[in-house]
Amino acid sequence: MADVTTAFLRAALPREPTPGQVNAFVKTYLAEWSAPVRHHAGIDVLLKGLSSEFRLAVVSNTHSPTMVPEQLAAMGVLDSMDAVVLSVDVGRRKPHADIYQEALHQLAVSAQDVWFIGDSYEADYVGPRRMGMEALLIDPQGRTSVPLHHRLDTVFDLPHRLSPTLPDLLSRDTQLPPRT
C-alpha cells in the first residue's frame, strides 16, 4: 500500500512525499475506510462457538496487511482464527488458486475437508469450488445462480447448515442471535 500511496502522492504533490506523509496518508485512508464498518451483533459469539468445533480462517482480498487483522481484533475474534490469509501477502487475489492454496497450506488441510463461506460469487463460491472445496454463499436476495442448498440468508444460518446438532452444541455455552 505504501508503494501505491507514494505514487499517488508523487502525482498530487509538487514535491517528493516524505515517508511520514506516506505513512500518515495510509493511516488516514485505512481509518476512514474502516469507520463505517459495522460488525453484526453476535458475530463474536458465533465465531467463538464455531472455533470450538472447527478450525477457522479468513481469506481476504485487501490492500493492507493490517486492516483485516485489526477488524478481527475489534470484533474480538482474532484469537478464534487459525489463519488469516491476505491477498496483499500472497500476491494474488481471490479467485486465483494461489490464495486458496496458501490457506490450505496454513491450515494443513486438503480442499475436500474445507467449507468456504463468503458473500462474493466469484471469489467465495466459484474459486473455492474450482479447488475442490465445498462452498456456501451468503446471498439473501438470491442474485446468483447457486443451488439453494449452497445459499445462506445470513452468516448466522451457518451452524444449522453445517450440522443439525451444531446449534444445540453451541448454545450450551453461548447464545446465538435468532435466525432471521
N, C-alpha and C. Protein backbone atom coordinates (compact mmCIF):
# COMPACT_ATOMS: atom_id res chain seq x y z
N MET A 1 0.82 -1.18 0.00
CA MET A 1 0.00 0.00 0.00
C MET A 1 0.87 1.25 0.00
N ALA A 2 2.02 1.17 0.62
CA ALA A 2 2.92 2.33 0.65
C ALA A 2 3.37 2.69 -0.76
N ASP A 3 3.59 1.69 -1.62
CA ASP A 3 4.01 1.97 -3.00
C ASP A 3 2.93 2.72 -3.77
N VAL A 4 1.71 2.27 -3.65
CA VAL A 4 0.59 2.91 -4.35
C VAL A 4 0.40 4.33 -3.81
N THR A 5 0.47 4.47 -2.50
CA THR A 5 0.31 5.79 -1.89
C THR A 5 1.42 6.73 -2.32
N THR A 6 2.63 6.24 -2.35
CA THR A 6 3.75 7.07 -2.79
C THR A 6 3.54 7.55 -4.22
N ALA A 7 3.12 6.65 -5.10
CA ALA A 7 2.86 7.03 -6.49
C ALA A 7 1.74 8.06 -6.57
N PHE A 8 0.70 7.87 -5.80
CA PHE A 8 -0.41 8.82 -5.79
C PHE A 8 0.06 10.19 -5.31
N LEU A 9 0.79 10.22 -4.20
CA LEU A 9 1.25 11.49 -3.65
C LEU A 9 2.26 12.18 -4.57
N ARG A 10 3.08 11.40 -5.26
CA ARG A 10 4.00 11.99 -6.24
C ARG A 10 3.24 12.76 -7.32
N ALA A 11 2.11 12.18 -7.74
CA ALA A 11 1.31 12.83 -8.78
C ALA A 11 0.53 14.03 -8.22
N ALA A 12 0.17 13.98 -6.94
CA ALA A 12 -0.66 15.03 -6.34
C ALA A 12 0.12 16.18 -5.76
N LEU A 13 1.34 15.92 -5.32
CA LEU A 13 2.15 16.95 -4.65
C LEU A 13 3.19 17.54 -5.59
N PRO A 14 3.59 18.77 -5.33
CA PRO A 14 4.63 19.38 -6.18
C PRO A 14 6.04 18.91 -5.82
N ARG A 15 6.16 18.02 -4.84
CA ARG A 15 7.48 17.52 -4.42
C ARG A 15 7.38 16.05 -4.03
N GLU A 16 8.51 15.44 -3.84
CA GLU A 16 8.57 14.04 -3.42
C GLU A 16 7.96 13.90 -2.01
N PRO A 17 7.01 12.99 -1.82
CA PRO A 17 6.43 12.82 -0.49
C PRO A 17 7.46 12.22 0.48
N THR A 18 7.39 12.64 1.71
CA THR A 18 8.27 12.08 2.74
C THR A 18 7.67 10.77 3.23
N PRO A 19 8.49 9.90 3.82
CA PRO A 19 7.93 8.67 4.41
C PRO A 19 6.85 8.97 5.45
N GLY A 20 7.00 10.05 6.20
CA GLY A 20 5.99 10.43 7.18
C GLY A 20 4.67 10.79 6.53
N GLN A 21 4.72 11.49 5.39
CA GLN A 21 3.50 11.83 4.67
C GLN A 21 2.81 10.58 4.13
N VAL A 22 3.62 9.66 3.60
CA VAL A 22 3.06 8.40 3.08
C VAL A 22 2.39 7.63 4.22
N ASN A 23 3.07 7.48 5.34
CA ASN A 23 2.51 6.74 6.47
C ASN A 23 1.24 7.41 7.00
N ALA A 24 1.25 8.74 7.09
CA ALA A 24 0.07 9.47 7.57
C ALA A 24 -1.11 9.29 6.62
N PHE A 25 -0.84 9.31 5.32
CA PHE A 25 -1.91 9.14 4.34
C PHE A 25 -2.50 7.74 4.46
N VAL A 26 -1.63 6.73 4.54
CA VAL A 26 -2.11 5.35 4.66
C VAL A 26 -2.95 5.19 5.93
N LYS A 27 -2.45 5.71 7.03
CA LYS A 27 -3.16 5.60 8.31
C LYS A 27 -4.54 6.27 8.22
N THR A 28 -4.59 7.45 7.64
CA THR A 28 -5.86 8.17 7.50
C THR A 28 -6.80 7.43 6.56
N TYR A 29 -6.27 6.96 5.44
CA TYR A 29 -7.10 6.22 4.48
C TYR A 29 -7.72 4.99 5.15
N LEU A 30 -6.92 4.21 5.85
CA LEU A 30 -7.44 3.00 6.49
C LEU A 30 -8.46 3.33 7.57
N ALA A 31 -8.22 4.39 8.33
CA ALA A 31 -9.18 4.79 9.37
C ALA A 31 -10.49 5.22 8.74
N GLU A 32 -10.43 5.99 7.67
CA GLU A 32 -11.66 6.43 7.01
C GLU A 32 -12.38 5.27 6.33
N TRP A 33 -11.63 4.34 5.73
CA TRP A 33 -12.25 3.18 5.11
C TRP A 33 -12.94 2.32 6.16
N SER A 34 -12.33 2.16 7.31
CA SER A 34 -12.86 1.29 8.36
C SER A 34 -13.98 1.92 9.17
N ALA A 35 -14.07 3.25 9.18
CA ALA A 35 -15.05 3.94 10.04
C ALA A 35 -16.48 3.45 9.86
N PRO A 36 -16.98 3.24 8.64
CA PRO A 36 -18.38 2.82 8.52
C PRO A 36 -18.59 1.31 8.70
N VAL A 37 -17.54 0.54 8.88
CA VAL A 37 -17.69 -0.90 9.03
C VAL A 37 -18.41 -1.20 10.35
N ARG A 38 -19.46 -1.96 10.24
CA ARG A 38 -20.23 -2.37 11.42
C ARG A 38 -20.22 -3.88 11.51
N HIS A 39 -19.99 -4.37 12.72
CA HIS A 39 -19.97 -5.81 12.94
C HIS A 39 -21.36 -6.24 13.41
N HIS A 40 -21.82 -7.35 12.85
CA HIS A 40 -23.13 -7.88 13.25
C HIS A 40 -23.11 -8.24 14.73
N ALA A 41 -24.13 -7.82 15.44
CA ALA A 41 -24.26 -8.21 16.85
C ALA A 41 -24.29 -9.73 16.92
N GLY A 42 -23.47 -10.28 17.77
CA GLY A 42 -23.42 -11.73 17.95
C GLY A 42 -22.42 -12.45 17.09
N ILE A 43 -21.73 -11.73 16.19
CA ILE A 43 -20.75 -12.40 15.32
C ILE A 43 -19.62 -13.00 16.14
N ASP A 44 -19.24 -12.31 17.22
CA ASP A 44 -18.18 -12.83 18.08
C ASP A 44 -18.61 -14.14 18.74
N VAL A 45 -19.86 -14.20 19.18
CA VAL A 45 -20.38 -15.41 19.80
C VAL A 45 -20.41 -16.55 18.78
N LEU A 46 -20.90 -16.23 17.59
CA LEU A 46 -20.96 -17.24 16.53
C LEU A 46 -19.57 -17.81 16.21
N LEU A 47 -18.61 -16.94 15.96
CA LEU A 47 -17.28 -17.39 15.55
C LEU A 47 -16.54 -18.10 16.68
N LYS A 48 -16.69 -17.62 17.89
CA LYS A 48 -16.05 -18.32 19.01
C LYS A 48 -16.66 -19.70 19.20
N GLY A 49 -17.99 -19.79 19.04
CA GLY A 49 -18.64 -21.09 19.13
C GLY A 49 -18.19 -22.03 18.03
N LEU A 50 -18.14 -21.52 16.80
CA LEU A 50 -17.67 -22.36 15.69
C LEU A 50 -16.23 -22.79 15.88
N SER A 51 -15.41 -21.91 16.45
CA SER A 51 -13.99 -22.25 16.63
C SER A 51 -13.79 -23.35 17.66
N SER A 52 -14.79 -23.60 18.49
CA SER A 52 -14.68 -24.70 19.43
C SER A 52 -14.92 -26.05 18.76
N GLU A 53 -15.53 -26.01 17.56
CA GLU A 53 -15.83 -27.23 16.82
C GLU A 53 -15.04 -27.37 15.52
N PHE A 54 -14.60 -26.24 14.96
CA PHE A 54 -13.93 -26.22 13.66
C PHE A 54 -12.69 -25.33 13.71
N ARG A 55 -11.79 -25.57 12.78
CA ARG A 55 -10.67 -24.65 12.57
C ARG A 55 -11.17 -23.57 11.62
N LEU A 56 -10.91 -22.32 11.95
CA LEU A 56 -11.41 -21.20 11.17
C LEU A 56 -10.27 -20.41 10.55
N ALA A 57 -10.53 -19.87 9.37
CA ALA A 57 -9.58 -18.99 8.70
C ALA A 57 -10.34 -17.89 7.98
N VAL A 58 -9.69 -16.78 7.80
CA VAL A 58 -10.20 -15.70 6.96
C VAL A 58 -9.29 -15.63 5.75
N VAL A 59 -9.89 -15.58 4.57
CA VAL A 59 -9.17 -15.40 3.32
C VAL A 59 -9.75 -14.14 2.70
N SER A 60 -8.94 -13.09 2.58
CA SER A 60 -9.48 -11.80 2.19
C SER A 60 -8.65 -11.11 1.13
N ASN A 61 -9.34 -10.50 0.18
CA ASN A 61 -8.70 -9.59 -0.77
C ASN A 61 -8.59 -8.24 -0.07
N THR A 62 -7.38 -7.77 0.12
CA THR A 62 -7.18 -6.50 0.80
C THR A 62 -5.88 -5.87 0.33
N HIS A 63 -5.80 -4.58 0.46
CA HIS A 63 -4.62 -3.83 0.07
C HIS A 63 -3.76 -3.47 1.27
N SER A 64 -4.16 -3.90 2.46
CA SER A 64 -3.43 -3.57 3.68
C SER A 64 -3.16 -4.84 4.49
N PRO A 65 -1.93 -5.01 4.95
CA PRO A 65 -1.64 -6.19 5.77
C PRO A 65 -2.17 -6.08 7.20
N THR A 66 -2.63 -4.90 7.61
CA THR A 66 -3.09 -4.72 8.99
C THR A 66 -4.60 -4.59 9.12
N MET A 67 -5.29 -4.17 8.07
CA MET A 67 -6.70 -3.84 8.18
C MET A 67 -7.57 -5.02 8.63
N VAL A 68 -7.45 -6.16 7.99
CA VAL A 68 -8.29 -7.31 8.33
C VAL A 68 -7.98 -7.82 9.73
N PRO A 69 -6.70 -8.02 10.09
CA PRO A 69 -6.44 -8.44 11.48
C PRO A 69 -6.96 -7.43 12.51
N GLU A 70 -6.87 -6.14 12.20
CA GLU A 70 -7.39 -5.13 13.12
C GLU A 70 -8.91 -5.22 13.24
N GLN A 71 -9.61 -5.48 12.12
CA GLN A 71 -11.06 -5.64 12.17
C GLN A 71 -11.44 -6.88 12.98
N LEU A 72 -10.71 -7.96 12.79
CA LEU A 72 -10.97 -9.19 13.56
C LEU A 72 -10.73 -8.96 15.04
N ALA A 73 -9.67 -8.22 15.37
CA ALA A 73 -9.40 -7.89 16.77
C ALA A 73 -10.51 -7.02 17.34
N ALA A 74 -10.99 -6.05 16.57
CA ALA A 74 -12.07 -5.17 17.03
C ALA A 74 -13.35 -5.97 17.29
N MET A 75 -13.56 -7.03 16.53
CA MET A 75 -14.72 -7.90 16.74
C MET A 75 -14.52 -8.83 17.93
N GLY A 76 -13.27 -8.95 18.37
CA GLY A 76 -12.96 -9.87 19.47
C GLY A 76 -12.82 -11.31 19.03
N VAL A 77 -12.46 -11.53 17.74
CA VAL A 77 -12.39 -12.90 17.23
C VAL A 77 -11.04 -13.26 16.61
N LEU A 78 -10.09 -12.37 16.65
CA LEU A 78 -8.79 -12.67 16.03
C LEU A 78 -8.20 -13.95 16.62
N ASP A 79 -8.34 -14.13 17.92
CA ASP A 79 -7.78 -15.33 18.55
C ASP A 79 -8.57 -16.60 18.23
N SER A 80 -9.73 -16.46 17.60
CA SER A 80 -10.51 -17.63 17.16
C SER A 80 -10.06 -18.14 15.80
N MET A 81 -9.23 -17.37 15.11
CA MET A 81 -8.79 -17.72 13.76
C MET A 81 -7.50 -18.54 13.81
N ASP A 82 -7.52 -19.63 13.06
CA ASP A 82 -6.31 -20.45 12.93
C ASP A 82 -5.40 -19.90 11.84
N ALA A 83 -5.94 -19.10 10.94
CA ALA A 83 -5.14 -18.47 9.88
C ALA A 83 -5.88 -17.24 9.37
N VAL A 84 -5.09 -16.25 8.97
CA VAL A 84 -5.61 -15.08 8.28
C VAL A 84 -4.75 -14.94 7.03
N VAL A 85 -5.34 -15.19 5.89
CA VAL A 85 -4.62 -15.22 4.61
C VAL A 85 -5.09 -14.01 3.79
N LEU A 86 -4.14 -13.14 3.46
CA LEU A 86 -4.46 -11.89 2.79
C LEU A 86 -3.82 -11.83 1.41
N SER A 87 -4.59 -11.32 0.47
CA SER A 87 -4.08 -11.19 -0.90
C SER A 87 -2.83 -10.34 -0.96
N VAL A 88 -2.74 -9.32 -0.13
CA VAL A 88 -1.57 -8.45 -0.13
C VAL A 88 -0.31 -9.22 0.26
N ASP A 89 -0.46 -10.24 1.08
CA ASP A 89 0.69 -11.07 1.48
C ASP A 89 0.99 -12.16 0.47
N VAL A 90 -0.05 -12.74 -0.13
CA VAL A 90 0.12 -13.84 -1.08
C VAL A 90 0.55 -13.33 -2.45
N GLY A 91 0.11 -12.13 -2.80
CA GLY A 91 0.42 -11.58 -4.12
C GLY A 91 -0.60 -11.96 -5.18
N ARG A 92 -1.68 -12.58 -4.77
CA ARG A 92 -2.78 -12.96 -5.67
C ARG A 92 -4.09 -12.73 -4.94
N ARG A 93 -5.09 -12.31 -5.70
CA ARG A 93 -6.41 -12.06 -5.14
C ARG A 93 -7.33 -13.24 -5.46
N LYS A 94 -8.32 -13.44 -4.57
CA LYS A 94 -9.37 -14.39 -4.90
C LYS A 94 -10.04 -13.91 -6.18
N PRO A 95 -10.34 -14.74 -7.12
CA PRO A 95 -10.44 -16.19 -7.08
C PRO A 95 -9.20 -16.94 -7.61
N HIS A 96 -8.01 -16.33 -7.58
CA HIS A 96 -6.82 -17.05 -8.03
C HIS A 96 -6.52 -18.22 -7.09
N ALA A 97 -6.13 -19.34 -7.65
CA ALA A 97 -5.89 -20.56 -6.87
C ALA A 97 -4.82 -20.40 -5.80
N ASP A 98 -3.83 -19.53 -6.03
CA ASP A 98 -2.73 -19.40 -5.07
C ASP A 98 -3.19 -18.98 -3.67
N ILE A 99 -4.18 -18.11 -3.59
CA ILE A 99 -4.60 -17.65 -2.26
C ILE A 99 -5.31 -18.76 -1.50
N TYR A 100 -6.08 -19.57 -2.20
CA TYR A 100 -6.74 -20.71 -1.54
C TYR A 100 -5.69 -21.75 -1.14
N GLN A 101 -4.72 -21.97 -2.02
CA GLN A 101 -3.65 -22.93 -1.72
C GLN A 101 -2.90 -22.52 -0.46
N GLU A 102 -2.65 -21.23 -0.31
CA GLU A 102 -1.96 -20.74 0.89
C GLU A 102 -2.80 -20.99 2.13
N ALA A 103 -4.08 -20.78 2.04
CA ALA A 103 -4.95 -21.05 3.20
C ALA A 103 -4.93 -22.54 3.55
N LEU A 104 -5.02 -23.39 2.55
CA LEU A 104 -4.96 -24.84 2.80
C LEU A 104 -3.63 -25.21 3.44
N HIS A 105 -2.56 -24.62 2.94
CA HIS A 105 -1.22 -24.88 3.48
C HIS A 105 -1.14 -24.45 4.95
N GLN A 106 -1.60 -23.23 5.24
CA GLN A 106 -1.51 -22.74 6.61
C GLN A 106 -2.35 -23.57 7.58
N LEU A 107 -3.46 -24.09 7.11
CA LEU A 107 -4.31 -24.93 7.95
C LEU A 107 -3.90 -26.39 7.95
N ALA A 108 -3.02 -26.75 7.00
CA ALA A 108 -2.57 -28.14 6.84
C ALA A 108 -3.77 -29.08 6.63
N VAL A 109 -4.64 -28.68 5.69
CA VAL A 109 -5.82 -29.48 5.36
C VAL A 109 -5.92 -29.62 3.85
N SER A 110 -6.72 -30.58 3.41
CA SER A 110 -6.97 -30.72 1.98
C SER A 110 -8.27 -30.01 1.62
N ALA A 111 -8.40 -29.67 0.38
CA ALA A 111 -9.57 -28.92 -0.09
C ALA A 111 -10.87 -29.65 0.22
N GLN A 112 -10.86 -30.96 0.14
CA GLN A 112 -12.08 -31.75 0.37
C GLN A 112 -12.58 -31.63 1.81
N ASP A 113 -11.73 -31.18 2.72
CA ASP A 113 -12.09 -31.07 4.13
C ASP A 113 -12.55 -29.66 4.52
N VAL A 114 -12.74 -28.78 3.54
CA VAL A 114 -13.00 -27.38 3.82
C VAL A 114 -14.39 -26.96 3.38
N TRP A 115 -15.01 -26.13 4.20
CA TRP A 115 -16.22 -25.38 3.83
C TRP A 115 -15.78 -23.93 3.71
N PHE A 116 -15.99 -23.33 2.55
CA PHE A 116 -15.62 -21.94 2.31
C PHE A 116 -16.91 -21.13 2.29
N ILE A 117 -16.99 -20.12 3.14
CA ILE A 117 -18.20 -19.33 3.27
C ILE A 117 -17.86 -17.88 2.93
N GLY A 118 -18.67 -17.24 2.09
CA GLY A 118 -18.44 -15.84 1.77
C GLY A 118 -19.62 -15.23 1.06
N ASP A 119 -19.45 -13.98 0.64
CA ASP A 119 -20.57 -13.26 0.03
C ASP A 119 -20.28 -12.76 -1.37
N SER A 120 -19.20 -13.21 -1.96
CA SER A 120 -18.85 -12.81 -3.32
C SER A 120 -18.87 -14.05 -4.22
N TYR A 121 -19.70 -14.01 -5.26
CA TYR A 121 -19.90 -15.19 -6.10
C TYR A 121 -18.59 -15.75 -6.66
N GLU A 122 -17.83 -14.96 -7.38
CA GLU A 122 -16.59 -15.46 -8.00
C GLU A 122 -15.54 -15.82 -6.94
N ALA A 123 -15.30 -14.89 -6.01
CA ALA A 123 -14.20 -15.05 -5.06
C ALA A 123 -14.49 -16.09 -3.98
N ASP A 124 -15.73 -16.18 -3.54
CA ASP A 124 -16.05 -17.02 -2.38
C ASP A 124 -16.86 -18.26 -2.71
N TYR A 125 -17.28 -18.38 -3.95
CA TYR A 125 -18.05 -19.57 -4.33
C TYR A 125 -17.38 -20.30 -5.50
N VAL A 126 -17.24 -19.63 -6.62
CA VAL A 126 -16.66 -20.27 -7.81
C VAL A 126 -15.20 -20.68 -7.57
N GLY A 127 -14.39 -19.75 -7.08
CA GLY A 127 -12.97 -20.05 -6.84
C GLY A 127 -12.75 -21.23 -5.91
N PRO A 128 -13.36 -21.25 -4.73
CA PRO A 128 -13.18 -22.39 -3.83
C PRO A 128 -13.68 -23.71 -4.42
N ARG A 129 -14.81 -23.67 -5.13
CA ARG A 129 -15.33 -24.90 -5.72
C ARG A 129 -14.39 -25.44 -6.79
N ARG A 130 -13.75 -24.55 -7.54
CA ARG A 130 -12.74 -25.00 -8.53
C ARG A 130 -11.59 -25.74 -7.85
N MET A 131 -11.32 -25.37 -6.60
CA MET A 131 -10.24 -26.00 -5.84
C MET A 131 -10.68 -27.30 -5.17
N GLY A 132 -11.96 -27.64 -5.26
CA GLY A 132 -12.46 -28.86 -4.64
C GLY A 132 -13.06 -28.67 -3.26
N MET A 133 -13.26 -27.43 -2.86
CA MET A 133 -13.87 -27.14 -1.55
C MET A 133 -15.39 -27.08 -1.68
N GLU A 134 -16.05 -27.40 -0.61
CA GLU A 134 -17.48 -27.09 -0.51
C GLU A 134 -17.56 -25.59 -0.29
N ALA A 135 -18.62 -24.97 -0.80
CA ALA A 135 -18.77 -23.53 -0.62
C ALA A 135 -20.22 -23.18 -0.39
N LEU A 136 -20.41 -22.23 0.50
CA LEU A 136 -21.73 -21.67 0.76
C LEU A 136 -21.64 -20.17 0.52
N LEU A 137 -22.64 -19.64 -0.16
CA LEU A 137 -22.65 -18.22 -0.50
C LEU A 137 -23.74 -17.51 0.29
N ILE A 138 -23.35 -16.44 0.97
CA ILE A 138 -24.32 -15.59 1.66
C ILE A 138 -24.95 -14.71 0.58
N ASP A 139 -26.19 -15.01 0.25
CA ASP A 139 -26.88 -14.36 -0.88
C ASP A 139 -28.37 -14.32 -0.57
N PRO A 140 -28.77 -13.47 0.38
CA PRO A 140 -30.17 -13.48 0.81
C PRO A 140 -31.17 -13.09 -0.28
N GLN A 141 -30.77 -12.31 -1.25
CA GLN A 141 -31.69 -11.92 -2.32
C GLN A 141 -31.69 -12.90 -3.48
N GLY A 142 -30.86 -13.92 -3.43
CA GLY A 142 -30.82 -14.92 -4.50
C GLY A 142 -30.39 -14.33 -5.83
N ARG A 143 -29.40 -13.47 -5.80
CA ARG A 143 -28.94 -12.79 -7.03
C ARG A 143 -28.04 -13.66 -7.90
N THR A 144 -27.54 -14.74 -7.36
CA THR A 144 -26.64 -15.60 -8.12
C THR A 144 -27.31 -16.94 -8.41
N SER A 145 -26.70 -17.67 -9.30
CA SER A 145 -27.29 -18.94 -9.72
C SER A 145 -26.69 -20.13 -8.96
N VAL A 146 -26.53 -19.99 -7.66
CA VAL A 146 -26.05 -21.12 -6.88
C VAL A 146 -27.25 -21.96 -6.44
N PRO A 147 -27.06 -23.26 -6.31
CA PRO A 147 -28.17 -24.10 -5.83
C PRO A 147 -28.64 -23.63 -4.45
N LEU A 148 -29.91 -23.79 -4.19
CA LEU A 148 -30.49 -23.33 -2.93
C LEU A 148 -29.75 -23.90 -1.72
N HIS A 149 -29.30 -25.15 -1.81
CA HIS A 149 -28.61 -25.76 -0.67
C HIS A 149 -27.18 -25.24 -0.51
N HIS A 150 -26.73 -24.37 -1.41
CA HIS A 150 -25.42 -23.73 -1.28
C HIS A 150 -25.56 -22.26 -0.89
N ARG A 151 -26.78 -21.82 -0.60
CA ARG A 151 -27.04 -20.41 -0.31
C ARG A 151 -27.40 -20.25 1.17
N LEU A 152 -26.88 -19.18 1.76
CA LEU A 152 -27.25 -18.78 3.12
C LEU A 152 -27.93 -17.42 3.06
N ASP A 153 -28.93 -17.20 3.90
CA ASP A 153 -29.53 -15.88 4.00
C ASP A 153 -28.67 -14.97 4.87
N THR A 154 -28.01 -15.54 5.85
CA THR A 154 -27.17 -14.80 6.77
C THR A 154 -26.09 -15.73 7.29
N VAL A 155 -25.00 -15.17 7.75
CA VAL A 155 -23.93 -15.99 8.31
C VAL A 155 -24.42 -16.74 9.55
N PHE A 156 -25.46 -16.22 10.19
CA PHE A 156 -25.98 -16.88 11.39
C PHE A 156 -26.73 -18.17 11.07
N ASP A 157 -26.98 -18.46 9.78
CA ASP A 157 -27.55 -19.74 9.38
C ASP A 157 -26.48 -20.83 9.29
N LEU A 158 -25.24 -20.45 9.36
CA LEU A 158 -24.13 -21.39 9.17
C LEU A 158 -24.17 -22.59 10.11
N PRO A 159 -24.34 -22.43 11.42
CA PRO A 159 -24.37 -23.62 12.28
C PRO A 159 -25.45 -24.62 11.88
N HIS A 160 -26.60 -24.12 11.48
CA HIS A 160 -27.70 -25.01 11.07
C HIS A 160 -27.36 -25.76 9.78
N ARG A 161 -26.59 -25.12 8.92
CA ARG A 161 -26.23 -25.73 7.63
C ARG A 161 -25.11 -26.76 7.80
N LEU A 162 -24.16 -26.47 8.68
CA LEU A 162 -23.03 -27.39 8.85
C LEU A 162 -23.44 -28.68 9.54
N SER A 163 -24.34 -28.57 10.49
CA SER A 163 -24.78 -29.75 11.21
C SER A 163 -26.07 -29.43 11.96
N PRO A 164 -27.08 -30.27 11.84
CA PRO A 164 -28.34 -30.00 12.54
C PRO A 164 -28.17 -29.93 14.06
N THR A 165 -27.17 -30.62 14.60
CA THR A 165 -26.98 -30.61 16.05
C THR A 165 -26.02 -29.52 16.51
N LEU A 166 -25.33 -28.88 15.59
CA LEU A 166 -24.34 -27.87 15.97
C LEU A 166 -24.96 -26.70 16.73
N PRO A 167 -26.11 -26.16 16.32
CA PRO A 167 -26.68 -25.06 17.11
C PRO A 167 -26.93 -25.45 18.56
N ASP A 168 -27.33 -26.70 18.80
CA ASP A 168 -27.55 -27.15 20.17
C ASP A 168 -26.23 -27.22 20.93
N LEU A 169 -25.17 -27.71 20.27
CA LEU A 169 -23.87 -27.77 20.92
C LEU A 169 -23.36 -26.37 21.25
N LEU A 170 -23.51 -25.45 20.31
CA LEU A 170 -23.02 -24.09 20.52
C LEU A 170 -23.83 -23.36 21.57
N SER A 171 -25.14 -23.61 21.63
CA SER A 171 -25.98 -22.87 22.56
C SER A 171 -25.79 -23.31 24.01
N ARG A 172 -25.09 -24.40 24.23
CA ARG A 172 -24.82 -24.81 25.62
C ARG A 172 -24.01 -23.75 26.34
N ASP A 173 -23.04 -23.15 25.63
CA ASP A 173 -22.16 -22.17 26.26
C ASP A 173 -22.39 -20.75 25.76
N THR A 174 -23.08 -20.60 24.67
CA THR A 174 -23.23 -19.28 24.08
C THR A 174 -24.66 -19.10 23.60
N GLN A 175 -25.08 -17.88 23.49
CA GLN A 175 -26.40 -17.59 22.96
C GLN A 175 -26.24 -16.95 21.59
N LEU A 176 -26.60 -17.68 20.56
CA LEU A 176 -26.54 -17.14 19.21
C LEU A 176 -27.75 -16.25 18.96
N PRO A 177 -27.58 -15.24 18.12
CA PRO A 177 -28.76 -14.42 17.77
C PRO A 177 -29.78 -15.30 17.06
N PRO A 178 -31.05 -14.90 17.12
CA PRO A 178 -32.07 -15.70 16.43
C PRO A 178 -31.86 -15.67 14.94
N ARG A 179 -32.25 -16.75 14.26
CA ARG A 179 -32.17 -16.80 12.81
C ARG A 179 -33.19 -15.84 12.23
N THR A 180 -32.76 -15.11 11.20
CA THR A 180 -33.70 -14.19 10.56
C THR A 180 -33.89 -14.55 9.12
